[in-house]
C-alpha atoms as a PDB file:
ATOM      1  CA  MET A   1     -43.211  -6.884  18.255  1.00  0.00           C
ATOM      2  CA  PRO A   2     -42.793  -7.630  14.744  1.00  0.00           C
ATOM      3  CA  PRO A   3     -38.870  -7.848  13.232  1.00  0.00           C
ATOM      4  CA  SER A   4     -37.682  -4.892  12.956  1.00  0.00           C
ATOM      5  CA  SER A   5     -35.241  -4.187   9.694  1.00  0.00           C
ATOM      6  CA  SER A   6     -32.612  -2.351  10.965  1.00  0.00           C
ATOM      7  CA  PRO A   7     -28.879  -2.900   9.722  1.00  0.00           C
ATOM      8  CA  ILE A   8     -28.014  -4.416  12.780  1.00  0.00           C
ATOM      9  CA  PRO A   9     -26.309  -8.209  11.229  1.00  0.00           C
ATOM     10  CA  SER A  10     -27.023 -11.386  13.238  1.00  0.00           C
ATOM     11  CA  PRO A  11     -24.237 -12.853  15.147  1.00  0.00           C
ATOM     12  CA  ASN A  12     -24.089 -15.644  12.696  1.00  0.00           C
ATOM     13  CA  GLN A  13     -23.254 -13.283   9.551  1.00  0.00           C
ATOM     14  CA  SER A  14     -19.777 -12.129   9.214  1.00  0.00           C
ATOM     15  CA  VAL A  15     -18.872  -8.331   9.156  1.00  0.00           C
ATOM     16  CA  ILE A  16     -16.265  -6.335   8.355  1.00  0.00           C
ATOM     17  CA  ARG A  17     -15.979  -2.941  10.933  1.00  0.00           C
ATOM     18  CA  ILE A  18     -14.479   0.179   9.695  1.00  0.00           C
ATOM     19  CA  MET A  19     -14.677   3.692  10.384  1.00  0.00           C
ATOM     20  CA  CYS A  20     -15.749   6.466   8.240  1.00  0.00           C
ATOM     21  CA  PRO A  21     -12.859   8.419   6.803  1.00  0.00           C
ATOM     22  CA  ASN A  22     -14.909  12.127   6.206  1.00  0.00           C
ATOM     23  CA  LEU A  23     -13.035  13.667   9.646  1.00  0.00           C
ATOM     24  CA  ALA A  24     -16.526  15.149  10.859  1.00  0.00           C
ATOM     25  CA  CYS A  25     -18.184  11.905  10.523  1.00  0.00           C
ATOM     26  CA  LYS A  26     -15.697   8.975  12.268  1.00  0.00           C
ATOM     27  CA  ARG A  27     -19.056   6.738  12.303  1.00  0.00           C
ATOM     28  CA  VAL A  28     -18.050   2.570  12.669  1.00  0.00           C
ATOM     29  CA  LEU A  29     -19.755   1.037   9.708  1.00  0.00           C
ATOM     30  CA  ALA A  30     -20.699  -2.850  10.105  1.00  0.00           C
ATOM     31  CA  VAL A  31     -20.536  -4.251   6.854  1.00  0.00           C
ATOM     32  CA  PRO A  32     -21.112  -7.572   5.313  1.00  0.00           C
ATOM     33  CA  THR A  33     -17.874  -9.527   4.281  1.00  0.00           C
ATOM     34  CA  HIS A  34     -19.548 -10.099   0.477  1.00  0.00           C
ATOM     35  CA  ALA A  35     -19.237  -6.282   0.466  1.00  0.00           C
ATOM     36  CA  ARG A  36     -15.172  -6.909   0.125  1.00  0.00           C
ATOM     37  CA  GLY A  37     -13.815  -4.408  -3.183  1.00  0.00           C
ATOM     38  CA  LYS A  38     -17.344  -3.052  -3.401  1.00  0.00           C
ATOM     39  CA  LEU A  39     -18.561   0.831  -2.306  1.00  0.00           C
ATOM     40  CA  VAL A  40     -20.722   1.472   0.418  1.00  0.00           C
ATOM     41  CA  ARG A  41     -22.232   4.627   1.248  1.00  0.00           C
ATOM     42  CA  CYS A  42     -22.254   5.951   5.047  1.00  0.00           C
ATOM     43  CA  ARG A  43     -25.744   6.437   6.264  1.00  0.00           C
ATOM     44  CA  SER A  44     -24.466   9.223   8.280  1.00  0.00           C
ATOM     45  CA  CYS A  45     -22.522  11.480   5.891  1.00  0.00           C
ATOM     46  CA  GLY A  46     -23.327   9.693   1.997  1.00  0.00           C
ATOM     47  CA  ILE A  47     -19.789   9.788   1.704  1.00  0.00           C
ATOM     48  CA  ASN A  48     -19.132   6.459  -0.448  1.00  0.00           C
ATOM     49  CA  ILE A  49     -16.309   4.081   1.498  1.00  0.00           C
ATOM     50  CA  ARG A  50     -14.452   1.202  -0.615  1.00  0.00           C
ATOM     51  CA  ILE A  51     -13.817  -2.373   1.278  1.00  0.00           C
ATOM     52  CA  PRO A  52     -10.655  -2.696   1.363  1.00  0.00           C
ATOM     53  CA  GLN A  53     -10.032  -6.575   0.119  1.00  0.00           C
ATOM     54  CA  LEU A  54      -8.497  -9.536   1.602  1.00  0.00           C
ATOM     55  CA  LYS A  55      -4.514  -9.353   1.492  1.00  0.00           C
ATOM     56  CA  GLN A  56      -3.267 -12.447   0.015  1.00  0.00           C
ATOM     57  CA  VAL A  57       0.228 -12.764   0.842  1.00  0.00           C
ATOM     58  CA  GLU A  58       2.173 -15.522  -1.583  1.00  0.00           C
ATOM     59  CA  ALA A  59       5.676 -15.388  -0.565  1.00  0.00           C
ATOM     60  CA  PRO A  60       7.700 -18.183  -2.066  1.00  0.00           C
ATOM     61  CA  ALA A  61      10.104 -20.670  -0.190  1.00  0.00           C
ATOM     62  CA  PRO A  62      13.281 -20.139   0.228  1.00  0.00           C
ATOM     63  CA  GLU A  63      14.202 -23.065  -2.158  1.00  0.00           C
ATOM     64  CA  GLU A  64      12.520 -21.125  -5.441  1.00  0.00           C
ATOM     65  CA  GLN A  65      13.940 -17.842  -4.471  1.00  0.00           C
ATOM     66  CA  ALA A  66      17.764 -19.902  -4.586  1.00  0.00           C
ATOM     67  CA  LYS A  67      16.269 -21.505  -8.154  1.00  0.00           C
ATOM     68  CA  PRO A  68      16.167 -18.654 -10.355  1.00  0.00           C
ATOM     69  CA  GLN A  69      19.255 -16.421  -9.350  1.00  0.00           C
ATOM     70  CA  ALA A  70      20.986 -19.755  -9.685  1.00  0.00           C
ATOM     71  CA  LYS A  71      19.397 -20.553 -12.947  1.00  0.00           C
ATOM     72  CA  SER A  72      20.363 -16.698 -14.230  1.00  0.00           C
ATOM     73  CA  ALA A  73      24.346 -16.821 -13.123  1.00  0.00           C
ATOM     74  CA  ALA A  74      24.680 -20.056 -15.161  1.00  0.00           C
ATOM     75  CA  SER A  75      23.401 -18.983 -18.172  1.00  0.00           C
ATOM     76  CA  GLN A  76      25.517 -15.567 -18.507  1.00  0.00           C
ATOM     77  CA  PRO A  77      28.021 -16.108 -20.767  1.00  0.00           C
ATOM     78  CA  PRO A  78      31.518 -16.441 -19.416  1.00  0.00           C
ATOM     79  CA  ALA A  79      33.777 -12.802 -19.513  1.00  0.00           C
ATOM     80  CA  LYS A  80      36.081 -12.796 -21.700  1.00  0.00           C
ATOM     81  CA  GLY A  81      39.569 -13.922 -20.641  1.00  0.00           C
ATOM     82  CA  GLU A  82      37.798 -16.706 -18.260  1.00  0.00           C
ATOM     83  CA  ALA A  83      37.749 -20.502 -19.168  1.00  0.00           C
ATOM     84  CA  ALA A  84      34.713 -21.409 -20.632  1.00  0.00           C
END
């Protein structure tokens, strides 16, 4: 039997599974990870779907959050009636 040209990915290839947003279709699509951020077309209904990108959450450390607040309070001029 000749090798098939089906869109089934090999087990070592990472894929993203996403459901077609078309309410009449709802087919589960398996797209390669390099398609993140790109448009793909559902082979069942033909709708274009944008594959979401990875979310990169960069939460600043607690010390970094405290520094700007202390700095902004020190940079404000003293209120009237207070000693400088």
